[in-house]
Protein backbone atom coordinates (compact mmCIF):
# COMPACT_ATOMS: atom_id res chain seq x y z
CA UNK A 1 -40.34 7.90 30.57
CA UNK A 2 -36.71 7.03 29.04
CA UNK A 3 -36.15 7.28 25.31
CA UNK A 4 -35.60 3.75 23.81
CA UNK A 5 -31.92 2.69 23.26
CA UNK A 6 -30.74 2.73 19.43
CA UNK A 7 -28.02 0.24 20.07
CA UNK A 8 -30.21 -3.01 18.76
CA UNK A 9 -31.28 -0.74 15.89
CA UNK A 10 -27.72 0.16 14.68
CA UNK A 11 -26.67 -3.55 15.34
CA UNK A 12 -29.41 -4.78 13.28
CA UNK A 13 -28.45 -2.18 10.53
CA UNK A 14 -24.82 -3.46 10.47
CA UNK A 15 -26.08 -6.97 10.08
CA UNK A 16 -28.43 -5.63 7.20
CA UNK A 17 -25.68 -3.96 5.54
CA UNK A 18 -23.62 -7.18 5.46
CA UNK A 19 -26.56 -9.44 4.43
CA UNK A 20 -27.62 -6.77 1.54
CA UNK A 21 -24.09 -6.44 0.32
CA UNK A 22 -23.66 -10.15 0.11
CA UNK A 23 -26.86 -10.25 -2.14
CA UNK A 24 -25.62 -7.75 -4.86
CA UNK A 25 -23.81 -10.38 -6.78
CA UNK A 26 -22.64 -14.01 -6.54
CA UNK A 27 -19.07 -12.99 -7.02
CA UNK A 28 -19.18 -10.57 -4.15
CA UNK A 29 -20.78 -13.22 -1.97
CA UNK A 30 -18.01 -15.89 -2.97
CA UNK A 31 -15.22 -13.12 -2.27
CA UNK A 32 -16.63 -12.58 1.05
CA UNK A 33 -17.21 -16.07 2.12
CA UNK A 34 -13.60 -16.96 0.81
CA UNK A 35 -12.08 -14.20 2.78
CA UNK A 36 -13.92 -14.85 5.98
CA UNK A 37 -12.94 -18.64 5.59
CA UNK A 38 -9.22 -17.66 5.04
CA UNK A 39 -9.32 -15.26 7.82
CA UNK A 40 -10.84 -17.44 10.46
CA UNK A 41 -8.44 -20.40 9.55
CA UNK A 42 -5.43 -18.00 9.88
CA UNK A 43 -7.00 -16.82 13.25
CA UNK A 44 -7.31 -20.41 14.07
CA UNK A 45 -3.63 -21.41 13.33
CA UNK A 46 -2.80 -18.07 15.44
CA UNK A 47 -4.73 -19.18 18.32
CA UNK A 48 -2.91 -22.46 18.19
CA UNK A 49 0.34 -21.17 17.94
CA UNK A 50 -0.09 -18.69 20.79
CA UNK A 51 -1.58 -21.71 23.09
CA UNK A 52 1.48 -23.45 22.07
CA UNK A 53 3.66 -20.86 23.24
CA UNK A 54 2.52 -21.22 26.72
CA UNK A 55 5.33 -21.90 29.19
CA UNK A 56 7.68 -20.44 26.80
CA UNK A 57 10.49 -18.03 28.76
CA UNK A 58 9.62 -15.09 26.35
CA UNK A 59 6.04 -16.14 25.74
CA UNK A 60 4.70 -12.67 27.70
CA UNK A 61 7.21 -10.45 25.38
CA UNK A 62 5.70 -12.01 22.06
CA UNK A 63 1.83 -11.41 23.01
CA UNK A 64 2.64 -7.87 24.33
CA UNK A 65 4.34 -7.08 20.93
CA UNK A 66 1.43 -8.93 19.13
CA UNK A 67 -1.30 -6.90 20.65
CA UNK A 68 0.54 -3.62 20.02
CA UNK A 69 0.94 -4.39 16.59
CA UNK A 70 -2.82 -5.42 16.19
CA UNK A 71 -3.70 -2.05 17.73
CA UNK A 72 -1.75 -0.11 15.15
CA UNK A 73 -3.43 -2.01 12.44
CA UNK A 74 -6.86 -1.08 13.85
CA UNK A 75 -5.52 2.68 14.03
CA UNK A 76 -4.17 2.86 10.61
CA UNK A 77 -7.13 0.80 8.89
CA UNK A 78 -9.60 3.55 8.44
CA UNK A 79 -6.92 5.66 6.61
CA UNK A 80 -5.85 3.04 4.17
CA UNK A 81 -9.25 1.41 3.35
CA UNK A 82 -11.88 4.42 4.11
CA UNK A 83 -14.32 2.51 2.08
CA UNK A 84 -13.88 -0.95 3.60
CA UNK A 85 -16.65 -0.48 6.20
CA UNK A 86 -19.54 2.23 5.26
CA UNK A 87 -20.58 2.12 9.06
CA UNK A 88 -17.26 3.86 9.59
CA UNK A 89 -18.56 7.16 7.87
CA UNK A 90 -20.75 8.99 10.63
CA UNK A 91 -21.80 11.84 8.02
CA UNK A 92 -24.50 9.47 7.00
CA UNK A 93 -26.17 9.96 10.29
CA UNK A 94 -26.12 13.81 10.57
CA UNK A 95 -29.66 14.25 9.38
CA UNK A 96 -30.99 12.19 12.30
CA UNK A 97 -32.17 13.27 15.63
CA UNK A 98 -29.37 11.56 17.69
CA UNK A 99 -27.43 12.66 20.63
CA UNK A 100 -23.65 12.16 20.42
CA UNK A 101 -23.30 9.75 23.46
CA UNK A 102 -25.83 7.43 23.00
CA UNK A 103 -24.72 7.29 19.42
CA UNK A 104 -21.26 6.53 20.34
CA UNK A 105 -22.66 3.44 22.36
CA UNK A 106 -24.66 2.21 19.68
CA UNK A 107 -21.69 2.57 17.14
CA UNK A 108 -19.16 0.86 19.41
CA UNK A 109 -21.59 -1.87 19.76
CA UNK A 110 -22.10 -2.41 15.99
CA UNK A 111 -18.58 -2.00 15.39
CA UNK A 112 -18.01 -5.67 17.29
CA UNK A 113 -20.00 -7.22 14.46
CA UNK A 114 -17.80 -8.50 11.59
CA UNK A 115 -14.70 -10.46 10.62
CA UNK A 116 -12.06 -7.94 12.25
CA UNK A 117 -13.56 -7.97 15.70
CA UNK A 118 -13.61 -11.73 15.65
CA UNK A 119 -10.09 -12.07 14.25
CA UNK A 120 -8.98 -9.70 16.88
CA UNK A 121 -10.83 -11.78 19.74
CA UNK A 122 -9.01 -14.79 18.84
CA UNK A 123 -5.92 -13.41 19.02
CA UNK A 124 -6.45 -11.55 22.22
CA UNK A 125 -7.80 -14.79 23.61
CA UNK A 126 -4.64 -16.86 22.69
CA UNK A 127 -2.56 -14.03 24.22
CA UNK A 128 -4.04 -14.55 27.40
CA UNK A 129 -4.00 -18.24 27.20
CA UNK A 130 -0.27 -18.12 26.69
CA UNK A 131 0.55 -16.33 29.85
CA UNK A 132 -2.14 -16.65 32.07
CA UNK A 133 -1.06 -19.29 35.25
CA UNK A 134 -3.83 -19.42 37.86
CA UNK A 135 -7.60 -18.65 38.37
CA UNK A 136 -6.79 -14.94 39.21
CA UNK A 137 -4.73 -14.29 36.01
CA UNK A 138 -7.74 -16.09 33.95
CA UNK A 139 -10.33 -13.44 35.61
CA UNK A 140 -7.83 -10.64 34.75
CA UNK A 141 -7.37 -12.13 31.35
CA UNK A 142 -11.36 -11.87 30.74
CA UNK A 143 -11.42 -8.43 31.76
CA UNK A 144 -8.29 -7.51 29.71
CA UNK A 145 -9.83 -9.04 26.62
CA UNK A 146 -12.72 -7.05 26.72
CA UNK A 147 -10.96 -3.92 27.40
CA UNK A 148 -8.54 -4.46 24.73
CA UNK A 149 -11.19 -5.25 22.04
CA UNK A 150 -13.15 -2.30 23.29
CA UNK A 151 -9.86 -0.22 22.87
CA UNK A 152 -8.90 -1.19 19.33
CA UNK A 153 -12.49 -0.77 17.87
CA UNK A 154 -12.87 2.55 19.43
CA UNK A 155 -9.38 3.64 18.41
CA UNK A 156 -10.39 2.85 14.86
CA UNK A 157 -13.68 4.61 15.14
CA UNK A 158 -11.83 7.60 16.65
CA UNK A 159 -9.18 7.83 14.02
CA UNK A 160 -12.10 7.49 11.28
CA UNK A 161 -14.22 10.28 13.03
CA UNK A 162 -11.20 12.45 13.23
CA UNK A 163 -10.37 12.16 9.51
CA UNK A 164 -13.89 11.44 7.76
CA UNK A 165 -13.83 14.84 6.03
CA UNK A 166 -10.44 14.33 4.51
CA UNK A 167 -11.16 10.57 4.01
CA UNK A 168 -14.45 11.08 2.03
CA UNK A 169 -12.72 13.95 -0.29
CA UNK A 170 -10.92 12.99 -3.68
CA UNK A 171 -7.62 14.00 -1.90
CA UNK A 172 -8.20 11.95 1.13
CA UNK A 173 -9.06 8.61 -0.78
CA UNK A 174 -5.25 9.08 -2.08
CA UNK A 175 -4.42 7.92 1.41
CA UNK A 176 -5.10 4.36 0.17
CA UNK A 177 -2.24 4.37 -2.08
CA UNK A 178 0.18 4.27 0.85
CA UNK A 179 -1.17 0.90 1.81
CA UNK A 180 1.00 -0.28 -0.99
CA UNK A 181 3.90 1.36 0.60
CA UNK A 182 3.33 0.29 3.96
CA UNK A 183 2.74 -3.37 3.05
CA UNK A 184 5.84 -3.40 0.94
CA UNK A 185 8.04 -1.79 3.88
CA UNK A 186 6.18 -3.99 6.42
CA UNK A 187 6.70 -7.25 4.56
CA UNK A 188 10.37 -6.56 4.17
CA UNK A 189 10.58 -5.44 7.96
CA UNK A 190 8.87 -8.82 9.12
CA UNK A 191 11.34 -10.64 6.66
CA UNK A 192 14.50 -8.75 8.36
CA UNK A 193 13.02 -9.13 11.66
CA UNK A 194 12.20 -13.05 11.39
CA UNK A 195 15.91 -13.64 10.19
CA UNK A 196 17.34 -11.56 13.22
CA UNK A 197 15.12 -13.26 15.61
CA UNK A 198 16.09 -16.86 14.06
CA UNK A 199 19.58 -16.14 14.50
CA UNK A 200 19.49 -14.29 17.89
CA UNK A 201 16.41 -15.53 19.78
CA UNK A 202 13.04 -14.35 21.09
CA UNK A 203 15.13 -12.56 24.02
CA UNK A 204 15.58 -9.58 21.55
CA UNK A 205 12.11 -8.78 22.07
CA UNK A 206 12.11 -8.20 25.76
CA UNK A 207 13.32 -4.42 26.09
CA UNK A 208 10.49 -3.36 23.81
CA UNK A 209 7.83 -5.58 25.50
CA UNK A 210 8.86 -4.11 28.85
CA UNK A 211 7.89 -0.70 27.48
CA UNK A 212 4.68 -1.67 25.42
CA UNK A 213 3.33 -3.75 28.36
CA UNK A 214 2.61 -0.19 29.93
CA UNK A 215 0.95 1.13 26.55
CA UNK A 216 -2.58 0.29 26.14
CA UNK A 217 -4.14 -2.04 24.83
CA UNK A 218 -1.02 -4.17 25.19
CA UNK A 219 -1.18 -3.16 29.03
CA UNK A 220 -4.22 -5.47 29.16
CA UNK A 221 -2.27 -8.70 28.21
CA UNK A 222 0.61 -7.27 30.57
CA UNK A 223 -1.62 -7.03 33.48
CA UNK A 224 -2.52 -10.97 32.77
CA UNK A 225 1.30 -11.62 32.80
CA UNK A 226 1.60 -9.29 36.07
CA UNK A 227 -1.13 -11.21 37.63
CA UNK A 228 0.33 -14.63 36.62
CA UNK A 229 3.61 -13.64 38.68
CA UNK A 230 1.69 -12.49 41.60
CA UNK A 231 1.99 -8.52 41.17
CA UNK A 232 -1.78 -7.78 41.45
CA UNK A 233 -1.00 -4.01 42.25
CA UNK A 234 0.94 -3.81 38.84
CA UNK A 235 -2.08 -5.75 37.26
CA UNK A 236 -4.66 -3.49 38.39
CA UNK A 237 -2.55 -0.56 37.27
CA UNK A 238 -2.22 -1.93 33.79
CA UNK A 239 -5.85 -2.66 33.50
CA UNK A 240 -6.66 0.72 34.65
CA UNK A 241 -4.54 2.24 32.15
CA UNK A 242 -6.17 0.29 29.34
CA UNK A 243 -9.78 1.35 30.95
CA UNK A 244 -8.39 5.00 30.80
CA UNK A 245 -7.24 4.60 27.26
CA UNK A 246 -10.92 3.57 26.43
CA UNK A 247 -12.59 6.46 28.19
CA UNK A 248 -9.99 8.84 26.52
CA UNK A 249 -10.75 7.37 22.82
CA UNK A 250 -14.53 7.61 23.68
CA UNK A 251 -14.39 11.05 24.60
CA UNK A 252 -12.24 12.25 21.52
CA UNK A 253 -14.62 10.25 19.51
CA UNK A 254 -17.73 11.79 21.14
CA UNK A 255 -15.98 15.47 20.47
CA UNK A 256 -15.68 14.74 16.91
CA UNK A 257 -19.06 13.32 16.27
CA UNK A 258 -20.24 16.60 17.84
CA UNK A 259 -18.45 18.49 15.56
CA UNK A 260 -19.39 16.49 12.50
CA UNK A 261 -23.05 16.75 13.26
CA UNK A 262 -23.39 20.32 13.98
CA UNK A 263 -20.58 22.13 12.06
CA UNK A 264 -20.89 22.63 8.15
CA UNK A 265 -18.40 21.06 5.74
CA UNK A 266 -16.58 24.01 3.96
CA UNK A 267 -13.02 22.54 4.48
CA UNK A 268 -12.46 21.94 0.52
CA UNK A 269 -13.49 25.17 -0.69
CA UNK A 270 -10.34 27.10 0.15
CA UNK A 271 -8.00 24.16 -0.41
CA UNK A 272 -9.31 23.54 -3.87
CA UNK A 273 -8.56 27.43 -4.87
CA UNK A 274 -5.31 27.33 -3.41
CA UNK A 275 -4.62 23.95 -5.63
CA UNK A 276 -5.56 25.73 -8.58
CA UNK A 277 -3.42 28.74 -7.98
CA UNK A 278 -0.65 26.44 -7.42
CA UNK A 279 -1.15 24.26 -10.40
CA UNK A 280 -1.38 27.06 -12.86
CA UNK A 281 2.43 28.13 -12.42
CA UNK A 282 5.69 26.22 -11.76
CA UNK A 283 5.60 22.80 -13.49
CA UNK A 284 4.91 24.33 -17.07
CA UNK A 285 7.89 26.41 -16.92
CA UNK A 286 10.52 23.49 -16.34
CA UNK A 287 9.14 21.55 -19.39
CA UNK A 288 9.69 22.05 -23.30
CA UNK A 289 7.51 24.11 -25.04
CA UNK A 290 4.83 22.61 -27.55
CA UNK A 291 3.38 19.30 -27.95
CA UNK A 292 6.14 17.75 -25.84
CA UNK A 293 5.90 19.82 -22.62
CA UNK A 294 2.13 19.63 -22.84
CA UNK A 295 1.97 15.66 -22.84
CA UNK A 296 4.90 15.58 -20.18
CA UNK A 297 2.96 17.82 -18.13
CA UNK A 298 -0.12 15.77 -18.27
CA UNK A 299 1.71 12.58 -17.82
CA UNK A 300 3.20 13.81 -14.51
CA UNK A 301 -0.07 15.24 -13.33
CA UNK A 302 -1.69 11.95 -13.71
CA UNK A 303 1.15 10.54 -11.53
CA UNK A 304 0.31 13.10 -8.75
CA UNK A 305 -3.42 13.10 -9.08
CA UNK A 306 -5.08 9.87 -10.50
CA UNK A 307 -5.42 7.71 -7.49
CA UNK A 308 -4.88 4.45 -9.83
CA UNK A 309 -1.70 5.93 -11.53
CA UNK A 310 -0.45 7.15 -8.08
CA UNK A 311 -0.96 4.01 -6.17
CA UNK A 312 0.93 2.14 -9.19
CA UNK A 313 3.92 4.51 -8.90
CA UNK A 314 4.28 4.43 -5.08
CA UNK A 315 4.18 0.86 -5.12
CA UNK A 316 6.82 0.57 -7.71
CA UNK A 317 9.06 3.11 -6.04
CA UNK A 318 9.04 1.54 -2.59
CA UNK A 319 9.48 -2.04 -3.69
CA UNK A 320 12.34 -0.89 -6.37
CA UNK A 321 14.27 0.58 -3.40
CA UNK A 322 13.40 -1.71 -0.54
CA UNK A 323 14.56 -5.08 -2.45
CA UNK A 324 18.15 -4.18 -3.32
CA UNK A 325 18.58 -2.43 0.09
CA UNK A 326 17.26 -4.65 2.31
CA UNK A 327 19.21 -7.35 0.84
CA UNK A 328 22.30 -5.18 0.81
CA UNK A 329 21.40 -4.70 4.65
CA UNK A 330 20.98 -8.28 5.39
CA UNK A 331 24.50 -9.20 3.78
CA UNK A 332 23.19 -11.27 1.23
CA UNK A 333 22.41 -8.84 -1.72
CA UNK A 334 24.48 -8.03 -4.83
CA UNK A 335 24.84 -4.59 -6.71
CA UNK A 336 23.05 -6.17 -9.43
CA UNK A 337 19.91 -6.11 -7.46
CA UNK A 338 19.80 -2.38 -7.98
CA UNK A 339 18.36 -3.11 -11.64
CA UNK A 340 15.04 -4.15 -9.88
CA UNK A 341 14.55 -0.43 -9.22
CA UNK A 342 14.68 0.51 -12.92
CA UNK A 343 12.56 -2.71 -14.05
CA UNK A 344 9.90 -1.80 -11.54
CA UNK A 345 9.56 1.86 -12.89
CA UNK A 346 9.77 0.59 -16.58
CA UNK A 347 6.67 -1.44 -16.08
CA UNK A 348 4.72 2.12 -15.70
CA UNK A 349 5.55 2.52 -19.57
CA UNK A 350 3.09 -0.50 -20.37
CA UNK A 351 -0.47 0.36 -21.03
CA UNK A 352 0.07 4.02 -21.22
CA UNK A 353 -3.19 4.73 -23.22
CA UNK A 354 -5.06 2.57 -20.70
CA UNK A 355 -4.19 5.00 -17.93
CA UNK A 356 -6.01 7.71 -19.92
CA UNK A 357 -9.53 5.51 -19.66
CA UNK A 358 -12.15 7.06 -21.67
CA UNK A 359 -10.66 10.58 -21.69
CA UNK A 360 -8.16 8.91 -24.37
CA UNK A 361 -10.48 10.22 -27.00
CA UNK A 362 -9.23 13.66 -26.60
CA UNK A 363 -5.51 12.48 -26.94
CA UNK A 364 -6.66 10.59 -30.26
CA UNK A 365 -8.08 13.54 -31.79
CA UNK A 366 -4.69 15.20 -31.82
CA UNK A 367 -3.13 12.17 -33.51
CA UNK A 368 -3.28 12.26 -37.34
CA UNK A 369 -0.54 10.49 -38.55
CA UNK A 370 2.79 8.72 -37.51
CA UNK A 371 4.41 11.71 -36.77
CA UNK A 372 2.00 12.90 -34.13
CA UNK A 373 2.00 9.39 -32.79
CA UNK A 374 5.68 9.44 -32.27
CA UNK A 375 5.60 12.84 -30.59
CA UNK A 376 2.93 11.33 -28.11
CA UNK A 377 5.01 8.22 -27.18
CA UNK A 378 8.45 10.17 -26.95
CA UNK A 379 7.01 12.81 -24.68
CA UNK A 380 5.22 10.02 -22.30
CA UNK A 381 8.58 8.16 -22.14
CA UNK A 382 10.43 11.58 -21.40
CA UNK A 383 7.97 12.08 -18.51
CA UNK A 384 8.69 8.53 -16.98
CA UNK A 385 12.49 9.25 -17.51
CA UNK A 386 12.45 12.46 -15.23
CA UNK A 387 11.69 10.18 -12.40
CA UNK A 388 13.05 6.93 -13.38
CA UNK A 389 16.66 8.08 -14.39
CA UNK A 390 17.48 9.94 -11.07
CA UNK A 391 15.65 7.33 -9.02
CA UNK A 392 17.55 4.39 -10.57
CA UNK A 393 21.00 5.96 -9.94
CA UNK A 394 20.01 6.98 -6.32
CA UNK A 395 19.06 3.24 -5.68
CA UNK A 396 22.22 1.87 -7.24
CA UNK A 397 24.35 4.47 -5.50
CA UNK A 398 22.85 3.56 -2.21
CA UNK A 399 23.24 -0.21 -2.80
CA UNK A 400 26.85 0.35 -3.68
CA UNK A 401 27.27 2.02 -0.35
CA UNK A 402 25.66 -0.05 1.59
CA UNK A 403 27.74 -3.18 0.22
CA UNK A 404 31.02 -1.38 -0.07
CA UNK A 405 31.19 -2.48 -3.89
CA UNK A 406 32.03 0.89 -5.49
CA UNK A 407 34.16 -1.00 -8.29
CA UNK A 408 31.00 -2.32 -9.78
CA UNK A 409 29.10 0.79 -9.73
CA UNK A 410 29.59 1.90 -13.43
CA UNK A 411 28.31 -1.52 -14.91
CA UNK A 412 25.41 -1.72 -12.56
CA UNK A 413 24.42 1.83 -13.69
CA UNK A 414 25.03 0.70 -17.33
CA UNK A 415 22.70 -2.21 -16.87
CA UNK A 416 19.97 -0.38 -15.17
CA UNK A 417 20.17 2.28 -17.86
CA UNK A 418 19.82 -0.54 -20.82
CA UNK A 419 17.21 -2.21 -19.13
CA UNK A 420 15.06 0.92 -18.42
CA UNK A 421 15.49 1.73 -22.24
CA UNK A 422 14.30 -1.68 -23.25
CA UNK A 423 11.27 -1.67 -21.26
CA UNK A 424 10.36 1.81 -22.46
CA UNK A 425 10.59 0.44 -25.97
CA UNK A 426 8.40 -2.56 -25.26
CA UNK A 427 6.09 -0.66 -23.33
CA UNK A 428 5.40 1.64 -26.11
CA UNK A 429 4.83 -1.16 -28.47
CA UNK A 430 2.69 -3.10 -26.22
CA UNK A 431 0.75 -0.11 -25.17
CA UNK A 432 -0.34 0.40 -29.03
CA UNK A 433 -0.80 -3.56 -29.55
CA UNK A 434 -2.48 -4.70 -26.31
CA UNK A 435 -4.16 -2.12 -24.65
CA UNK A 436 -6.61 -2.60 -21.92
CA UNK A 437 -8.95 -0.53 -19.49
CA UNK A 438 -8.11 0.54 -15.80
CA UNK A 439 -11.21 0.70 -13.82
CA UNK A 440 -11.66 3.82 -12.06
CA UNK A 441 -13.78 2.40 -9.25
CA UNK A 442 -12.67 -0.29 -6.77
CA UNK A 443 -9.40 -2.07 -6.53
CA UNK A 444 -9.32 -3.71 -9.79
CA UNK A 445 -6.54 -2.76 -12.14
CA UNK A 446 -7.81 -4.55 -15.23
CA UNK A 447 -11.56 -4.39 -16.81
CA UNK A 448 -13.43 -7.82 -16.64
CA UNK A 449 -12.34 -10.02 -20.06
CA UNK A 450 -9.21 -8.09 -20.31
CA UNK A 451 -6.99 -9.81 -18.01
CA UNK A 452 -5.52 -12.04 -20.78
CA UNK A 453 -4.53 -8.84 -22.85
CA UNK A 454 -2.66 -7.58 -19.53
CA UNK A 455 -0.74 -10.61 -19.03
CA UNK A 456 0.47 -10.51 -22.49
CA UNK A 457 1.07 -7.00 -22.44
CA UNK A 458 3.20 -6.88 -19.20
CA UNK A 459 4.86 -10.10 -18.87
CA UNK A 460 5.33 -10.74 -22.64
CA UNK A 461 6.92 -7.09 -22.65
CA UNK A 462 9.22 -7.81 -19.83
CA UNK A 463 10.27 -11.09 -21.48
CA UNK A 464 11.13 -9.01 -24.40
CA UNK A 465 12.84 -6.30 -22.72
CA UNK A 466 15.11 -9.11 -21.07
CA UNK A 467 15.97 -10.28 -24.61
CA UNK A 468 16.83 -7.07 -25.56
CA UNK A 469 19.19 -6.43 -22.99
CA UNK A 470 21.09 -9.79 -23.78
CA UNK A 471 23.98 -7.91 -25.57
CA UNK A 472 24.66 -5.54 -22.47
CA UNK A 473 24.36 -8.58 -20.12
CA UNK A 474 26.74 -10.79 -22.25
CA UNK A 475 29.25 -7.91 -22.35
CA UNK A 476 29.12 -7.67 -18.52
CA UNK A 477 29.74 -11.45 -18.22
CA UNK A 478 32.52 -11.23 -20.54
CA UNK A 479 34.30 -8.29 -18.99
CA UNK A 480 33.88 -10.19 -15.53
CA UNK A 481 35.22 -13.43 -16.79
CA UNK A 482 38.15 -11.85 -19.01
CA UNK A 483 41.47 -11.61 -17.34
CA UNK A 484 41.94 -7.77 -18.26
CA UNK A 485 38.07 -7.13 -18.04
CA UNK A 486 38.55 -5.13 -14.79
CA UNK A 487 40.29 -2.47 -16.51
CA UNK A 488 37.55 -1.95 -18.94
CA UNK A 489 34.28 -2.44 -16.89
CA UNK A 490 33.80 1.65 -16.75
CA UNK A 491 32.96 1.24 -20.27
CA UNK A 492 29.64 -0.47 -19.43
CA UNK A 493 28.38 2.58 -18.06
CA UNK A 494 28.49 4.80 -21.63
CA UNK A 495 27.73 1.51 -23.28
CA UNK A 496 24.46 0.80 -21.42
CA UNK A 497 23.45 4.20 -21.54
CA UNK A 498 24.04 4.60 -25.39
CA UNK A 499 22.24 1.27 -25.95
CA UNK A 500 19.33 2.01 -23.57
CA UNK A 501 18.83 5.35 -25.52
CA UNK A 502 19.19 3.81 -28.83
CA UNK A 503 16.80 0.87 -27.91
CA UNK A 504 14.07 3.46 -26.78
CA UNK A 505 14.20 5.31 -29.89
CA UNK A 506 13.92 2.35 -31.98
CA UNK A 507 10.96 1.18 -30.03
CA UNK A 508 9.06 4.33 -30.32
CA UNK A 509 9.50 4.39 -33.86
CA UNK A 510 8.14 0.97 -34.25
CA UNK A 511 5.24 1.69 -31.87
CA UNK A 512 4.22 4.93 -33.50
CA UNK A 513 2.86 3.80 -36.88
CA UNK A 514 0.95 0.89 -35.16
CA UNK A 515 -0.58 3.62 -32.57
CA UNK A 516 -1.65 5.87 -35.64
CA UNK A 517 -3.21 2.93 -37.35
CA UNK A 518 -5.10 1.36 -34.24
CA UNK A 519 -6.48 4.53 -32.54
CA UNK A 520 -10.34 3.28 -33.17
CA UNK A 521 -9.29 0.02 -31.65
CA UNK A 522 -7.22 1.49 -28.54
CA UNK A 523 -9.79 3.96 -27.86
CA UNK A 524 -12.51 1.02 -27.38
CA UNK A 525 -10.32 -1.15 -25.61
CA UNK A 526 -9.46 1.59 -22.94
CA UNK A 527 -12.89 2.93 -22.47
CA UNK A 528 -14.49 -0.34 -21.43
CA UNK A 529 -13.72 0.20 -17.80
C-alpha cells in the first residue's frame, strides 16, 4: 500500500498560512490586499505591453532579457527578504517523518501559491505571446512557460535551503540591508540603460540576448522564438537545457534538505567565539581614551552590528555616491552634486538617541549635567566624522575626475564640509528636541504615533541646515559671478571647513543643556518601540 502524498497537505498549509496571516489585523489585511492589487495591475500592464511588442524586430531580445532578470530576482529574493515567506524555511519541518524527495515535490507545488508566481506567470505568458508565431511555437511556449516558472521557483527554494542556517541567524538577517544598496544601484542602472536605449534603440540588446537565450530559464523563451523561425532542433535543445536546469536545481535542493534534516546546527558557535576575540582588540586602540573613545566605539559598533542602523548607513552610502557619479557619467551632472554625499550621511546624526532604543537608559545614567551631555554628543558627532569626512572627500574627487572639473574641487569640498557641519549641528539639536523610537522588529523605522516627530526632526532639521549654509552658498555665488573671483575660489575650502567646524561646535553646545534637561522625556520617547 503506497503512502499518501503530502503535496495537497502542504498546499493547504500554505493557503492556511496566508489566510491566518490576514486575520491577525485589519492593517495587515489592507496592506496585503493593496500590495496584491498593485502587483496584479502592474503585471497586467506588463502583459499588455509585451503583447503590444509582438511583431517588433527586437521583441525576442527584450523578452529573453526580461526573463533572465526575472530569474535573477527569484534567486536573490530569499537573501534579501528571508522573512517574506515563512514556508521558505525548511528547518520548521525537520521534526516530521518526511523524506526529502516527496518533500521537494510538495514544497515545489506549494511554492506556486502566491502573488509572486502569478506575477511571474503573467510576464512569461506575455513573453511567449510577443514572440510566438504558429501553432508549434505556441505548443513550445506552453511547455516553456511551465518549465521557466518551475525553474524560477526551484531556484529560490534551492538558494533558501543552501543558506537557511545563515539567513535565520542574526548575522544572516543583516544580509537584508543589502536590499537598499541593490535597489539604489539597480534604479540608477535602469535609468542609465533606459536613456541609452532611448538614444540608440533596442538593437543594443541583441548581443546580450544572443548569449542569454542559452541560459535557463531564458532559454525556454528562446525556444519559442526558435520554433517561430522553424528551427525546431534549436528549440528542442533550449527546452532540454531548461529541463536539465530544473532537474539540477531540484537535486541541489534535495541534497540541502537532506543535510538540514539530518545534521545538527553548530555553525555559529565557533564563529561567535572568533567574533568575540576579534572585537576585544583593534578598534578601541585607535580611538581616544576616556568617555570620548568609549562613545565613539559604541556608535561605530552600532553602525556595524545593529541591522536597522546598518541598513540606514548602507543606503545613505550607496545613494550618496550613485547620484553624483551617475549624473557625471551621463554628462548631465555638476560637481556641486557631490554635496549630496555629505547631505545623505549628515542625516545619520538625526535621532541619535532613538538608535539606542530602550538601552538609552544606560547612557542616561552617565549624564548628570550639561558637560556630560556635551561630551556624549561630541563623541557621537566624531564617530560620524570618522566615516563622513573621507567619504565626502572621495565622492567629490571622483565626481571631479569624471567631469574633468578640477578647478571647482576646492569650492565643492568647502560646500560639502559646511553642509556636513550644519547637519551635525541641527541633528544634535533635533535629537534632543524631537526624539522618536525605532522599532527593532519589522521594516518600520518609526514607532506608531511618532511619525510627525520624525518628519519634524528630519525635514525640519534639513531645512535649518540649508539656511545655516547660506553664508557659504552666498560666498560661492559671489566668487563665481565676480570678475576676479576665479583667483579666490580656492579660499572656499578652508572657509567652508572652518565654518562647518564652528557651526558643529555651536550646535553641540546649544543641544547639550537641552539634552541634560530632557533626559526623562527622551528616554520615554525612544523606548516606545
